[in-house]
Amino acid sequence: MRRFLIRVATLAAAATTLAAPAAPTTAAAAQGLSFRPLQYNTNGYNWGGYAATGSGFTSVSASWTEPDATCNSTNDLYAPWVGIDGYGSSSVEQTGVATDCSSGSPVNQAWYEMYPSSPVYLSLSSYPVSAGDHISASVTYIGSSRYTLKLTDSTRGWTYSTTKSISAQRTSAEVIIESPTGSYPNFGTLTFTSATVNGRSLGSYNPVALDPSSNGVYEASTSALGSNGTSFTDTFLAE
């Protein structure tokens, strides 16, 4: 049975008007939803993982093996990602891999987002991702409101990098799983490794642990950090 307590403290009330998403062009974009700062997840705390808080964050990175997800419904949608901002602020600079079930089967697609701008999904043919692929992601602040977002699938042999501008606070850095719909596919257990913030272990920042929930019901469970402070797991919780 799922747990019914919420680990994270209540944040400020959410803004009710979200940026209009771009028209979906591929399967993973079909739900047309943004991956948003935590305070805008109005039906629950749909982030799982860890968030370092403070000021002046300049980089975050992590790696994972893309899980073999099973769709429970066409509403299932989630992504592992790394990012700067979003925990207690109104922007987030992030990149990862989304798994979308709106077609009835899981479709994995690489993406990045500079919220409140809409997510940008990468070409399925040029940047394919399959279950079992080794993914590395990073977001780096390079000055003058510019961020470099980088995603690598070493199994497939591709790397995508882009530099975008946004005025942001840089008050948090995260390694996260998120479901904008509040409905996770069964992804089993996802293991994050090599998680660093500002070139140091994620654990050295005493980050906040987050368990995602929808309407007060836990969707997944986040483990304690490993002894080196750079690894942890998120495990799907079956009903």
Protein backbone atom coordinates (compact mmCIF):
# COMPACT_ATOMS: atom_id res chain seq x y z
CA MET A 1 0.00 0.00 0.00
CA ARG A 2 1.27 3.46 -0.79
CA ARG A 3 2.20 5.86 1.95
CA PHE A 4 -0.01 8.89 2.53
CA LEU A 5 2.40 11.35 4.18
CA ILE A 6 4.29 13.98 2.22
CA ARG A 7 7.95 14.40 3.07
CA VAL A 8 8.49 17.92 1.75
CA ALA A 9 7.16 21.08 3.38
CA THR A 10 4.42 23.05 1.66
CA LEU A 11 5.79 25.68 -0.69
CA ALA A 12 4.24 28.96 -1.78
CA ALA A 13 0.90 28.84 -3.54
CA ALA A 14 1.23 28.04 -7.22
CA ALA A 15 0.67 30.43 -10.06
CA THR A 16 -2.45 29.30 -11.89
CA THR A 17 -1.51 30.46 -15.38
CA LEU A 18 1.19 28.40 -17.10
CA ALA A 19 3.08 29.14 -20.28
CA ALA A 20 1.29 27.76 -23.33
CA PRO A 21 3.13 24.66 -24.58
CA ALA A 22 4.33 24.39 -28.14
CA ALA A 23 2.27 22.22 -30.46
CA PRO A 24 3.35 18.59 -30.03
CA THR A 25 5.23 17.23 -33.02
CA THR A 26 6.35 13.80 -31.80
CA ALA A 27 5.07 11.06 -29.52
CA ALA A 28 6.78 12.18 -26.33
CA ALA A 29 5.44 15.71 -26.80
CA ALA A 30 1.88 14.52 -27.31
CA GLN A 31 0.71 15.49 -23.85
CA GLY A 32 1.87 19.08 -24.40
CA LEU A 33 2.91 19.61 -20.77
CA SER A 34 5.82 21.44 -19.20
CA PHE A 35 8.14 20.02 -16.56
CA ARG A 36 7.69 22.76 -14.00
CA PRO A 37 9.12 24.27 -10.83
CA LEU A 38 7.97 22.33 -7.77
CA GLN A 39 5.58 25.05 -6.54
CA TYR A 40 3.50 24.77 -9.73
CA ASN A 41 2.68 21.08 -9.24
CA THR A 42 -0.76 21.85 -7.84
CA ASN A 43 -2.07 18.27 -7.51
CA GLY A 44 0.88 17.02 -5.49
CA TYR A 45 4.63 17.13 -5.08
CA ASN A 46 5.53 15.44 -8.35
CA TRP A 47 9.29 15.67 -7.89
CA GLY A 48 11.35 12.78 -6.56
CA GLY A 49 15.07 12.83 -5.86
CA TYR A 50 17.24 15.49 -4.25
CA ALA A 51 17.42 19.28 -4.33
CA ALA A 52 20.40 21.26 -3.03
CA THR A 53 19.43 24.72 -1.83
CA GLY A 54 21.36 27.92 -1.21
CA SER A 55 22.71 30.43 -3.70
CA GLY A 56 25.10 30.80 -6.60
CA PHE A 57 24.72 27.33 -8.12
CA THR A 58 26.67 27.02 -11.36
CA SER A 59 26.54 23.35 -12.35
CA VAL A 60 24.76 20.05 -11.79
CA SER A 61 25.28 16.67 -13.44
CA ALA A 62 24.29 13.02 -13.05
CA SER A 63 24.05 9.76 -14.97
CA TRP A 64 21.53 6.93 -15.11
CA THR A 65 20.52 3.87 -17.10
CA GLU A 66 17.21 4.48 -18.83
CA PRO A 67 14.61 2.15 -17.24
CA ASP A 68 12.37 -0.25 -19.14
CA ALA A 69 9.05 1.34 -18.20
CA THR A 70 5.61 -0.27 -18.37
CA CYS A 71 2.58 1.92 -19.05
CA ASN A 72 -0.32 1.66 -16.60
CA SER A 73 -2.45 4.21 -18.50
CA THR A 74 -2.21 6.68 -21.38
CA ASN A 75 -1.89 9.43 -18.75
CA ASP A 76 1.51 8.16 -17.60
CA LEU A 77 4.36 10.59 -18.23
CA TYR A 78 7.63 11.10 -16.37
CA ALA A 79 11.25 12.09 -16.80
CA PRO A 80 14.54 11.83 -14.94
CA TRP A 81 16.40 15.14 -15.27
CA VAL A 82 19.03 17.44 -13.82
CA GLY A 83 18.55 21.16 -13.42
CA ILE A 84 19.27 24.46 -11.73
CA ASP A 85 16.45 26.41 -10.02
CA GLY A 86 12.87 25.22 -9.59
CA TYR A 87 12.86 24.43 -5.87
CA GLY A 88 11.23 27.54 -4.44
CA SER A 89 11.81 29.66 -7.57
CA SER A 90 9.71 30.28 -10.66
CA SER A 91 12.17 29.16 -13.35
CA VAL A 92 14.05 25.94 -14.01
CA GLU A 93 16.84 25.14 -16.47
CA GLN A 94 16.81 21.40 -17.09
CA THR A 95 17.47 18.46 -19.41
CA GLY A 96 16.67 14.75 -19.36
CA VAL A 97 14.67 11.97 -21.02
CA ALA A 98 10.86 11.87 -20.99
CA THR A 99 8.87 8.63 -21.12
CA ASP A 100 5.40 9.22 -22.53
CA CYS A 101 2.54 6.69 -22.60
CA SER A 102 -0.09 8.73 -24.45
CA SER A 103 0.19 6.40 -27.48
CA GLY A 104 -0.43 3.34 -25.26
CA SER A 105 3.23 2.30 -25.26
CA PRO A 106 6.26 3.95 -23.66
CA VAL A 107 8.13 6.36 -25.93
CA ASN A 108 11.46 7.73 -24.68
CA GLN A 109 12.53 11.14 -25.93
CA ALA A 110 15.38 13.45 -25.01
CA TRP A 111 14.41 17.04 -24.15
CA TYR A 112 15.46 20.25 -22.48
CA GLU A 113 13.51 23.14 -21.04
CA MET A 114 14.12 26.69 -19.89
CA TYR A 115 10.87 27.14 -17.98
CA PRO A 116 8.67 29.18 -18.37
CA SER A 117 9.48 28.52 -22.04
CA SER A 118 7.98 25.28 -23.34
CA PRO A 119 10.01 22.05 -23.45
CA VAL A 120 12.03 21.32 -26.58
CA TYR A 121 11.97 17.66 -27.64
CA LEU A 122 14.87 16.31 -29.67
CA SER A 123 14.40 14.36 -32.88
CA LEU A 124 13.62 10.69 -32.26
CA SER A 125 15.64 9.72 -35.32
CA SER A 126 18.71 11.86 -34.62
CA TYR A 127 18.76 11.40 -30.84
CA PRO A 128 17.13 8.01 -30.10
CA VAL A 129 16.87 6.67 -26.55
CA SER A 130 15.94 3.11 -25.60
CA ALA A 131 15.58 1.28 -22.30
CA GLY A 132 19.00 0.19 -21.08
CA ASP A 133 20.86 3.17 -22.59
CA HIS A 134 23.41 4.95 -20.41
CA ILE A 135 22.47 8.65 -20.11
CA SER A 136 24.54 11.54 -18.75
CA ALA A 137 23.07 15.02 -18.27
CA SER A 138 24.42 18.37 -17.12
CA VAL A 139 23.39 22.01 -16.79
CA THR A 140 26.12 24.63 -16.43
CA TYR A 141 25.84 28.37 -15.84
CA ILE A 142 28.47 30.08 -18.01
CA GLY A 143 27.74 33.70 -17.06
CA SER A 144 25.72 36.62 -18.42
CA SER A 145 22.42 34.74 -17.84
CA ARG A 146 23.55 31.89 -20.16
CA TYR A 147 23.30 28.17 -19.49
CA THR A 148 24.71 25.20 -21.38
CA LEU A 149 22.50 22.11 -21.29
CA LYS A 150 24.15 18.85 -22.35
CA LEU A 151 22.75 15.34 -22.77
CA THR A 152 24.72 12.25 -23.83
CA ASP A 153 23.56 8.75 -24.72
CA SER A 154 26.85 6.85 -24.67
CA THR A 155 25.12 3.60 -25.68
CA ARG A 156 23.88 5.18 -28.91
CA GLY A 157 26.94 7.37 -29.35
CA TRP A 158 25.35 10.82 -29.47
CA THR A 159 25.68 14.07 -27.53
CA TYR A 160 23.42 17.10 -27.72
CA SER A 161 24.47 20.49 -26.32
CA THR A 162 22.77 23.87 -26.47
CA THR A 163 23.31 27.25 -24.80
CA LYS A 164 20.28 29.32 -23.80
CA SER A 165 19.68 32.55 -21.93
CA ILE A 166 17.34 33.28 -19.03
CA SER A 167 17.36 35.57 -16.02
CA ALA A 168 17.22 33.16 -13.07
CA GLN A 169 18.04 33.06 -9.38
CA ARG A 170 20.32 29.95 -9.24
CA THR A 171 19.07 29.16 -5.72
CA SER A 172 18.84 25.38 -6.12
CA ALA A 173 20.30 22.46 -8.08
CA GLU A 174 18.50 19.14 -8.51
CA VAL A 175 18.68 15.54 -9.65
CA ILE A 176 15.02 14.64 -10.10
CA ILE A 177 12.26 12.43 -11.46
CA GLU A 178 9.04 14.25 -12.30
CA SER A 179 5.57 13.46 -13.66
CA PRO A 180 3.68 16.57 -14.87
CA THR A 181 0.47 14.48 -15.00
CA GLY A 182 0.99 13.08 -11.49
CA SER A 183 0.85 9.60 -13.05
CA TYR A 184 4.05 7.57 -13.30
CA PRO A 185 4.56 4.53 -15.51
CA ASN A 186 6.06 1.55 -13.71
CA PHE A 187 9.75 2.30 -14.17
CA GLY A 188 10.93 -0.16 -11.51
CA THR A 189 14.04 1.26 -9.87
CA LEU A 190 16.06 4.06 -11.42
CA THR A 191 19.61 4.55 -10.12
CA PHE A 192 21.27 7.95 -10.37
CA THR A 193 25.09 7.95 -10.23
CA SER A 194 27.88 10.53 -10.48
CA ALA A 195 25.55 13.22 -9.09
CA THR A 196 27.55 16.40 -8.53
CA VAL A 197 26.75 20.05 -7.82
CA ASN A 198 29.32 22.79 -8.47
CA GLY A 199 31.89 20.02 -9.02
CA ARG A 200 31.32 18.47 -5.58
CA SER A 201 29.22 15.52 -4.49
CA LEU A 202 25.49 16.17 -4.29
CA GLY A 203 25.58 14.95 -0.69
CA SER A 204 28.05 17.63 0.38
CA TYR A 205 25.21 20.16 0.08
CA ASN A 206 22.89 18.34 2.51
CA PRO A 207 20.15 18.27 -0.15
CA VAL A 208 16.44 17.94 0.54
CA ALA A 209 15.05 14.46 -0.18
CA LEU A 210 11.80 14.40 -2.16
CA ASP A 211 9.23 11.62 -2.64
CA PRO A 212 6.77 12.30 -5.47
CA SER A 213 3.08 12.20 -4.63
CA SER A 214 -0.21 12.83 -6.40
CA ASN A 215 -3.18 14.02 -4.36
CA GLY A 216 -1.42 12.90 -1.18
CA VAL A 217 -0.51 9.41 -2.43
CA TYR A 218 3.14 8.49 -2.93
CA GLU A 219 4.13 7.55 -6.49
CA ALA A 220 7.76 6.58 -5.81
CA SER A 221 10.30 6.37 -3.01
CA THR A 222 13.70 8.06 -2.92
CA SER A 223 16.52 6.22 -1.15
CA ALA A 224 19.18 7.66 1.10
CA LEU A 225 22.30 8.92 -0.64
CA GLY A 226 25.12 6.42 -1.03
CA SER A 227 28.23 6.74 1.11
CA ASN A 228 30.01 8.83 -1.52
CA GLY A 229 27.09 11.26 -1.74
CA THR A 230 26.78 10.89 -5.52
CA SER A 231 24.27 8.06 -5.96
CA PHE A 232 20.70 7.15 -4.97
CA THR A 233 17.66 5.33 -6.30
CA ASP A 234 14.04 6.17 -7.01
CA THR A 235 11.67 3.19 -6.89
CA PHE A 236 8.16 3.08 -8.33
CA LEU A 237 5.49 2.24 -5.75
CA ALA A 238 2.79 -0.08 -7.04
CA GLU A 239 -0.77 0.34 -5.84
